[in-house]
Protein backbone atom coordinates (compact mmCIF):
# COMPACT_ATOMS: atom_id res chain seq x y z
CA MET A 1 9.45 26.90 10.33
CA LYS A 2 7.54 25.97 13.50
CA LYS A 3 4.56 28.08 12.41
CA ILE A 4 4.59 26.43 8.99
CA ILE A 5 4.56 22.94 10.55
CA GLU A 6 1.72 23.92 12.89
CA PHE A 7 -0.25 25.33 9.93
CA LEU A 8 0.25 22.10 7.94
CA LYS A 9 -0.89 19.98 10.90
CA LYS A 10 -3.95 22.15 11.52
CA HIS A 11 -5.08 22.21 7.89
CA ARG A 12 -3.84 18.74 6.88
CA LYS A 13 -7.20 17.43 5.66
CA LEU A 14 -8.00 20.58 3.70
CA LEU A 15 -4.57 20.59 2.06
CA SER A 16 -4.90 16.88 1.28
CA ASN A 17 -8.28 17.48 -0.42
CA ILE A 18 -6.92 20.44 -2.42
CA PHE A 19 -3.89 18.41 -3.49
CA THR A 20 -6.12 15.47 -4.47
CA ILE A 21 -8.34 17.68 -6.63
CA LEU A 22 -5.28 19.28 -8.23
CA VAL A 23 -3.75 15.88 -9.02
CA ILE A 24 -6.99 14.59 -10.56
CA VAL A 25 -7.39 17.73 -12.69
CA LEU A 26 -3.80 17.49 -13.93
CA MET A 27 -4.26 13.79 -14.82
CA ILE A 28 -7.47 14.59 -16.73
CA ILE A 29 -5.70 17.39 -18.65
CA TYR A 30 -2.76 15.10 -19.42
CA LEU A 31 -5.00 12.30 -20.69
CA TYR A 32 -7.07 14.76 -22.72
CA LYS A 33 -3.93 16.01 -24.46
CA ASN A 34 -2.98 12.39 -25.15
CA ARG A 35 -6.54 11.15 -25.80
CA LEU A 36 -5.45 8.88 -28.64
CA VAL A 37 -4.27 6.48 -25.94
CA PHE A 38 -7.93 5.66 -25.23
CA ASP A 39 -7.94 3.64 -28.46
CA SER A 40 -6.22 0.97 -26.34
CA LEU A 41 -9.50 0.46 -24.45
CA LYS A 42 -10.85 -1.35 -27.50
CA ASN A 43 -8.49 -4.22 -26.64
CA LEU A 44 -9.62 -4.47 -23.02
CA LYS A 45 -11.43 -7.80 -22.81
CA VAL A 46 -13.77 -8.93 -20.04
CA GLU A 47 -11.47 -11.82 -19.14
CA TYR A 48 -8.70 -9.38 -18.15
CA ILE A 49 -11.12 -7.44 -15.95
CA VAL A 50 -12.00 -10.72 -14.21
CA TYR A 51 -8.30 -11.53 -13.76
CA ILE A 52 -7.70 -8.11 -12.18
CA ILE A 53 -10.63 -8.52 -9.77
CA LEU A 54 -9.50 -12.02 -8.75
CA SER A 55 -5.96 -10.75 -8.22
CA GLN A 56 -7.24 -7.92 -6.03
CA VAL A 57 -9.46 -10.22 -3.95
CA THR A 58 -6.54 -12.61 -3.44
CA THR A 59 -4.25 -9.84 -2.20
CA VAL A 60 -6.91 -8.68 0.26
CA ALA A 61 -7.30 -12.27 1.50
CA VAL A 62 -3.55 -12.64 2.13
CA THR A 63 -3.33 -9.17 3.72
CA ALA A 64 -6.18 -10.15 6.05
CA LEU A 65 -4.27 -13.31 7.05
CA LEU A 66 -1.16 -11.24 7.75
CA ASN A 67 -3.15 -8.81 9.92
CA GLN A 68 -4.76 -11.71 11.77
CA LYS A 69 -1.31 -13.11 12.62
CA ILE A 70 -0.10 -9.67 13.75
CA ILE A 71 -3.11 -9.21 16.04
CA GLN A 72 -2.56 -12.69 17.48
CA THR A 73 0.97 -11.70 18.53
CA LEU A 74 -0.73 -9.16 20.81
CA ASP A 75 -2.59 -11.97 22.62
CA ARG A 76 -5.88 -11.18 20.95
CA ASP A 77 -7.90 -13.81 19.12
CA ILE A 78 -9.60 -12.60 15.95
CA SER A 79 -11.28 -14.91 13.45
CA TYR A 80 -10.10 -14.94 9.84
CA SER A 81 -13.61 -13.96 8.73
CA ASP A 82 -13.46 -10.82 10.89
CA ALA A 83 -9.94 -10.04 9.69
CA PHE A 84 -11.04 -10.41 6.05
CA HIS A 85 -14.11 -8.18 6.39
CA LEU A 86 -12.11 -5.66 8.41
CA GLN A 87 -9.46 -5.48 5.70
CA TYR A 88 -12.05 -4.96 2.97
CA ALA A 89 -13.80 -2.31 5.07
CA ASN A 90 -10.39 -0.67 5.56
CA ASN A 91 -9.78 -0.61 1.79
CA PHE A 92 -13.29 0.73 1.17
CA LEU A 93 -12.88 3.64 3.60
CA ASN A 94 -9.37 4.46 2.37
CA LYS A 95 -10.84 5.02 -1.09
CA ILE A 96 -13.04 7.75 0.40
CA ILE A 97 -11.01 9.34 3.20
CA SER A 98 -7.24 9.37 3.68
CA GLU A 99 -6.46 7.13 6.70
CA GLY A 100 -10.19 6.54 7.21
CA GLY A 101 -9.71 2.78 7.10
CA ALA A 102 -6.98 2.79 9.76
CA LEU A 103 -9.13 4.82 12.16
CA PHE A 104 -12.13 2.52 11.68
CA ARG A 105 -9.99 -0.60 12.15
CA GLY A 106 -8.45 0.84 15.31
CA TYR A 107 -11.89 1.67 16.73
CA TYR A 108 -13.20 -1.82 15.94
CA LEU A 109 -10.24 -3.59 17.57
CA LYS A 110 -10.49 -1.43 20.66
CA LYS A 111 -14.23 -2.01 21.05
CA THR A 112 -14.42 -5.72 20.25
CA HIS A 113 -11.01 -7.01 21.36
CA LYS A 114 -9.98 -4.41 23.97
CA LEU A 115 -6.85 -3.82 21.94
CA PRO A 116 -5.36 -0.34 22.48
CA TYR A 117 -5.05 1.45 19.16
CA THR A 118 -1.50 2.66 19.87
CA LYS A 119 -0.35 -0.87 20.67
CA TYR A 120 -1.82 -2.23 17.45
CA ILE A 121 -0.41 0.61 15.33
CA SER A 122 3.01 0.13 16.91
CA THR A 123 3.08 -3.58 16.05
CA ILE A 124 1.73 -3.25 12.51
CA ALA A 125 4.14 -0.35 11.89
CA GLY A 126 6.93 -2.64 13.09
CA SER A 127 5.92 -5.10 10.37
CA TYR A 128 6.52 -2.32 7.82
CA ILE A 129 10.26 -2.64 8.51
CA LEU A 130 10.06 -6.19 7.22
CA SER A 131 7.92 -5.10 4.28
CA PHE A 132 10.27 -2.31 3.22
CA PHE A 133 13.23 -4.69 3.48
CA PHE A 134 11.68 -7.19 1.05
CA TYR A 135 10.19 -4.56 -1.29
CA SER A 136 13.50 -2.69 -1.58
CA MET A 137 15.42 -5.95 -2.03
CA MET A 138 13.13 -7.18 -4.80
CA GLY A 139 13.14 -3.71 -6.32
CA LEU A 140 16.94 -3.90 -6.55
CA VAL A 141 16.69 -7.40 -8.04
CA SER A 142 14.29 -6.17 -10.75
CA MET A 143 16.45 -3.13 -11.52
CA ALA A 144 19.61 -5.27 -11.70
CA TYR A 145 17.94 -7.56 -14.24
CA LEU A 146 16.61 -4.66 -16.31
CA PHE A 147 20.03 -2.97 -16.31
CA PHE A 148 22.25 -5.97 -17.13
CA VAL A 149 19.84 -7.71 -19.53
CA LYS A 150 17.91 -4.84 -21.15
CA GLY A 151 20.14 -1.86 -20.46
CA LYS A 152 17.38 0.09 -18.65
CA SER A 153 18.11 2.19 -15.58
CA ASN A 154 16.98 5.12 -13.46
CA TYR A 155 19.59 6.26 -10.97
CA TRP A 156 17.22 8.23 -8.76
CA ILE A 157 15.01 5.18 -8.21
CA LEU A 158 18.13 3.02 -7.72
CA ILE A 159 19.41 5.37 -4.99
CA PHE A 160 15.99 5.28 -3.34
CA PHE A 161 15.93 1.46 -3.24
CA ILE A 162 19.53 1.26 -1.96
CA ALA A 163 18.83 3.80 0.81
CA LEU A 164 15.64 1.98 1.82
CA PHE A 165 17.35 -1.44 1.74
CA PHE A 166 20.32 -0.48 3.92
CA GLY A 167 18.14 1.67 6.15
CA THR A 168 15.89 -1.28 6.99
CA ILE A 169 18.93 -3.56 7.50
CA ILE A 170 20.21 -1.14 10.14
CA LEU A 171 16.82 -1.11 11.86
CA ILE A 172 16.60 -4.92 11.72
CA TRP A 173 20.08 -5.72 13.08
CA VAL A 174 21.09 -2.72 15.16
CA ASN A 175 17.62 -1.93 16.51
CA PRO A 176 18.49 1.62 17.69
CA ARG A 177 16.56 3.56 20.31
CA PHE A 178 16.31 7.34 20.13
CA LYS A 179 16.08 9.60 23.16
CA ASN A 180 13.00 11.79 22.99
CA LYS A 181 13.22 14.19 25.94
CA LYS A 182 11.29 16.94 24.13
CA ASN A 183 8.52 14.53 23.01
CA ASN A 184 9.24 15.09 19.34
CA ARG A 185 6.42 13.57 17.31
CA ILE A 186 8.65 12.10 14.58
CA LEU A 187 11.07 10.53 17.06
CA GLY A 188 8.11 9.19 19.01
CA LEU A 189 6.74 7.58 15.85
CA ILE A 190 10.12 6.02 15.01
CA ASN A 191 10.50 4.62 18.54
CA SER A 192 6.95 3.24 18.35
CA ILE A 193 7.80 1.45 15.09
CA LEU A 194 10.99 0.03 16.60
CA GLU A 195 9.05 -1.23 19.64
CA GLY A 196 6.64 -2.99 17.31
CA TRP A 197 9.53 -4.57 15.44
CA VAL A 198 11.03 -5.88 18.72
CA LYS A 199 7.67 -7.44 19.56
CA ILE A 200 7.52 -9.18 16.17
CA LYS A 201 11.04 -10.59 16.11
CA GLU A 202 10.76 -12.03 19.63
CA ASN A 203 9.02 -15.05 18.11
CA LYS A 204 11.09 -16.62 15.29
CA LYS A 205 8.12 -18.64 14.05
CA ASN A 206 6.00 -15.50 13.67
CA LEU A 207 8.89 -13.78 11.95
CA LEU A 208 9.04 -16.57 9.37
CA VAL A 209 5.27 -16.44 8.83
CA PHE A 210 5.28 -12.63 8.41
CA SER A 211 8.22 -12.82 5.98
CA SER A 212 6.50 -15.50 3.88
CA LEU A 213 3.18 -13.63 3.72
CA THR A 214 4.93 -10.34 2.87
CA LEU A 215 6.78 -11.96 -0.04
CA LEU A 216 3.60 -13.72 -1.17
CA LEU A 217 1.75 -10.39 -1.22
CA LEU A 218 4.43 -8.88 -3.41
CA LEU A 219 4.39 -11.81 -5.84
CA LEU A 220 0.57 -11.65 -6.07
CA HIS A 221 0.83 -8.03 -7.22
CA VAL A 222 3.11 -8.94 -10.14
CA PRO A 223 0.44 -10.56 -12.40
CA LEU A 224 -1.86 -7.56 -11.85
CA SER A 225 0.26 -5.18 -13.95
CA VAL A 226 0.74 -7.87 -16.60
CA PHE A 227 -3.04 -8.35 -16.90
CA VAL A 228 -3.78 -4.61 -17.01
CA TYR A 229 -1.36 -3.72 -19.79
CA ARG A 230 -1.89 -6.91 -21.75
CA GLY A 231 -5.58 -6.04 -21.66
CA LEU A 232 -4.67 -2.69 -23.25
CA GLY A 233 -2.69 -4.43 -25.97
CA HIS A 234 0.76 -3.80 -24.47
CA SER A 235 3.17 -6.38 -23.13
CA ILE A 236 5.47 -5.95 -20.14
CA GLY A 237 7.86 -8.51 -18.70
CA VAL A 238 7.84 -10.10 -15.25
CA PHE A 239 10.73 -7.97 -13.97
CA GLU A 240 9.12 -4.74 -15.21
CA SER A 241 5.97 -5.78 -13.40
CA LEU A 242 7.99 -6.71 -10.29
CA TYR A 243 9.53 -3.23 -10.31
CA MET A 244 6.06 -1.65 -10.66
CA SER A 245 4.72 -3.81 -7.83
CA CYS A 246 7.53 -2.80 -5.47
CA MET A 247 7.07 0.90 -6.21
CA GLY A 248 3.27 0.64 -6.19
CA ILE A 249 3.11 -1.00 -2.75
CA ILE A 250 5.65 1.38 -1.22
CA THR A 251 3.65 4.41 -2.42
CA THR A 252 0.55 3.13 -0.58
CA PHE A 253 2.31 4.20 2.63
CA ILE A 254 2.39 7.82 1.40
CA ASN A 255 -0.96 9.12 2.68
CA VAL A 256 -0.92 12.49 0.93
CA THR A 257 -4.12 11.76 -1.00
CA PRO A 258 -6.91 9.19 -0.49
CA ASN A 259 -5.54 5.80 -1.55
CA GLY A 260 -2.36 7.56 -2.72
CA ILE A 261 -3.98 8.63 -5.99
CA GLY A 262 -1.54 10.47 -8.21
CA VAL A 263 1.55 9.44 -6.23
CA LYS A 264 1.92 5.99 -7.78
CA GLU A 265 1.00 7.30 -11.21
CA GLY A 266 3.62 10.04 -10.93
CA ILE A 267 6.37 7.57 -10.05
CA TYR A 268 5.36 5.22 -12.87
CA MET A 269 5.50 8.06 -15.37
CA PHE A 270 8.82 9.28 -13.96
CA SER A 271 10.33 5.82 -14.48
CA SER A 272 8.68 5.00 -17.82
CA ASP A 273 12.14 4.42 -19.30
CA ILE A 274 12.56 1.39 -17.03
CA ILE A 275 9.14 -0.10 -17.69
CA GLY A 276 9.35 0.40 -21.45
CA LEU A 277 5.91 1.95 -21.97
CA ASN A 278 4.86 5.48 -22.82
CA SER A 279 3.90 7.60 -19.82
CA GLU A 280 0.34 8.12 -21.10
CA VAL A 281 -0.15 4.34 -21.41
CA LEU A 282 1.21 3.84 -17.87
CA LEU A 283 -1.17 6.49 -16.53
CA LEU A 284 -4.18 4.99 -18.32
CA GLY A 285 -3.30 1.47 -17.14
CA SER A 286 -2.91 2.59 -13.54
CA LEU A 287 -6.23 4.45 -13.62
CA ILE A 288 -8.02 1.45 -15.15
CA SER A 289 -6.57 -0.76 -12.41
CA ARG A 290 -7.78 1.76 -9.83
CA ALA A 291 -11.25 1.92 -11.41
CA ILE A 292 -11.68 -1.86 -11.39
CA THR A 293 -10.36 -2.29 -7.83
CA LEU A 294 -12.45 0.71 -6.75
CA ALA A 295 -15.61 -0.95 -8.06
CA SER A 296 -14.86 -4.26 -6.34
CA SER A 297 -13.79 -2.46 -3.15
CA PHE A 298 -17.02 -0.47 -3.07
CA ILE A 299 -19.14 -3.58 -3.56
CA LEU A 300 -17.27 -6.10 -1.38
CA GLY A 301 -15.83 -3.45 0.93
CA GLY A 302 -19.23 -1.84 1.37
CA ILE A 303 -20.74 -5.18 2.36
CA SER A 304 -17.87 -5.80 4.79
CA TYR A 305 -18.19 -2.32 6.28
CA PHE A 306 -21.89 -2.73 7.00
CA LYS A 307 -21.30 -6.19 8.42
CA ILE A 308 -18.58 -4.93 10.77
CA SER A 309 -20.66 -1.84 11.67
CA SER A 310 -23.67 -4.04 12.51
CA LYS A 311 -21.48 -6.12 14.80
CA LEU A 312 -20.27 -2.98 16.54
CA LYS A 313 -23.84 -1.75 17.04
CA LYS A 314 -24.88 -5.07 18.60
CA GLU A 315 -21.98 -4.98 21.03
CA ASN A 316 -22.75 -1.38 22.00
CA ILE A 317 -26.38 -2.33 22.72
CA GLU A 318 -25.29 -5.29 24.84
């Protein structure tokens, strides 16, 4: 087992690239076999594309504000403009390389704000506890509505949300600390996350701000799914979209492939009975959403990346 783990660590990038290619090939084959679904593209109007882009820009703007507040808790002052461009550069790089955005952001903060990467990662990871709490809670709310009103359910997803919800409650209230005498990497990561959470909840005002921005981010994702599938000529309700948003955001934390491609699509297709759309329509809608956000991320994110990179070069010269 130890040799297997060491092999996976050593060849992580290669395995990630192979898995990404495999996922893309399988999605292409699946869509080819169900190519009649592309008839839905005739209904995709320009106005819906604009709505999707605006929704994506708004979520980046709010995410940037959240990151700015998190960095400020570490006694570092970063302008909102820098936080915004840094977030877009992060999104741009994540589309190309798995975790590429996180590494670039860490390097920038260390160079320009003397902020240790481990300290930043610990604090932002601590904020994930809050995020998972709200996402799992709203996921349960959406599933409760869909079950009691529309008779739709998926017990595997329900168990996942329940486990995540109560797991984060334990971390929030009990705040455990694990002994790590053998320097186990996983235990070290968990303790780092818990340290970040302690730092966040020390200030009740910051905790309220983080909670509000986290919920706002989730609610901003809801119209995105509505716009995408309405643009394809299919209608989904608010609670179906809320469920998709909760699952979609959670899967972004699974860095198996660049930008989690294939992971979110797989979960959507697995739970198509809840959403009420055919799996091929769900796959096409998700890929269209990715294509539109990819285009805007490459344009706006590319501009942000070069702006941030130019600032780094100037500081290195000085």
